[in-house]
Protein backbone atom coordinates (compact mmCIF):
# COMPACT_ATOMS: atom_id res chain seq x y z
CA UNK A 1 6.56 12.55 -13.19
CA UNK A 2 9.60 10.99 -14.40
CA UNK A 3 10.94 7.30 -13.41
CA UNK A 4 13.00 8.52 -10.57
CA UNK A 5 10.19 10.46 -8.91
CA UNK A 6 7.89 7.56 -9.20
CA UNK A 7 10.40 5.32 -7.68
CA UNK A 8 10.97 7.69 -4.85
CA UNK A 9 7.34 7.92 -4.32
CA UNK A 10 6.86 4.03 -4.29
CA UNK A 11 9.20 3.32 -1.40
CA UNK A 12 7.46 5.01 1.25
CA UNK A 13 4.05 3.76 0.01
CA UNK A 14 5.48 0.10 0.12
CA UNK A 15 6.70 0.85 3.62
CA UNK A 16 3.54 2.11 4.96
CA UNK A 17 1.69 -0.85 3.29
CA UNK A 18 3.98 -3.21 5.09
CA UNK A 19 3.48 -1.25 8.38
CA UNK A 20 -0.37 -1.45 7.89
CA UNK A 21 -0.20 -5.15 7.49
CA UNK A 22 1.77 -5.66 10.68
CA UNK A 23 -0.70 -3.29 12.63
CA UNK A 24 -3.64 -5.23 11.28
CA UNK A 25 -1.94 -8.50 12.34
CA UNK A 26 -1.13 -7.28 15.69
CA UNK A 27 -4.68 -5.94 16.43
CA UNK A 28 -6.00 -9.29 15.11
CA UNK A 29 -3.76 -11.35 17.13
CA UNK A 30 -4.38 -9.43 20.31
CA UNK A 31 -7.92 -10.09 20.29
CA UNK A 32 -8.64 -6.69 21.72
CA UNK A 33 -8.56 -4.96 18.34
CA UNK A 34 -11.44 -2.73 17.53
CA UNK A 35 -13.27 -4.24 14.50
CA UNK A 36 -13.93 -0.89 13.06
CA UNK A 37 -10.22 0.20 13.51
CA UNK A 38 -9.08 -2.90 11.76
CA UNK A 39 -11.68 -2.35 8.66
CA UNK A 40 -10.15 1.24 8.47
CA UNK A 41 -6.72 -0.03 8.39
CA UNK A 42 -7.62 -2.56 5.77
CA UNK A 43 -9.41 0.07 3.66
CA UNK A 44 -6.33 2.21 3.82
CA UNK A 45 -4.07 -0.71 2.93
CA UNK A 46 -6.24 -1.41 -0.08
CA UNK A 47 -6.06 2.39 -1.20
CA UNK A 48 -2.35 1.98 -0.85
CA UNK A 49 -2.17 -1.07 -2.92
CA UNK A 50 -4.05 0.86 -5.68
CA UNK A 51 -1.75 3.74 -5.67
CA UNK A 52 1.26 1.59 -5.71
CA UNK A 53 -0.21 -0.39 -8.53
CA UNK A 54 -0.86 2.71 -10.71
CA UNK A 55 2.62 4.06 -9.97
CA UNK A 56 4.14 0.72 -10.98
CA UNK A 57 2.16 0.70 -14.24
CA UNK A 58 3.77 3.88 -15.13
CA UNK A 59 7.17 2.47 -14.77
CA UNK A 60 6.34 -0.25 -17.40
CA UNK A 61 6.87 0.98 -21.07
CA UNK A 62 3.98 0.72 -23.44
CA UNK A 63 4.76 -1.80 -26.05
CA UNK A 64 2.81 -1.74 -29.08
CA UNK A 65 2.55 -5.31 -30.42
């Protein structure tokens, strides 16, 4: 995967991560949020964060010190 493909893949992942953050906050603030649903959203958010981190690491060049 080249740099442009990685950057194209990162943008929707970041957007989904932000959307999940907003959804989790809305459910928590409403007080009617199902705890199981909130836990699932948080798990998905963590998975996205890991995937984003892996892709971002591929953008950083390896520098031999």
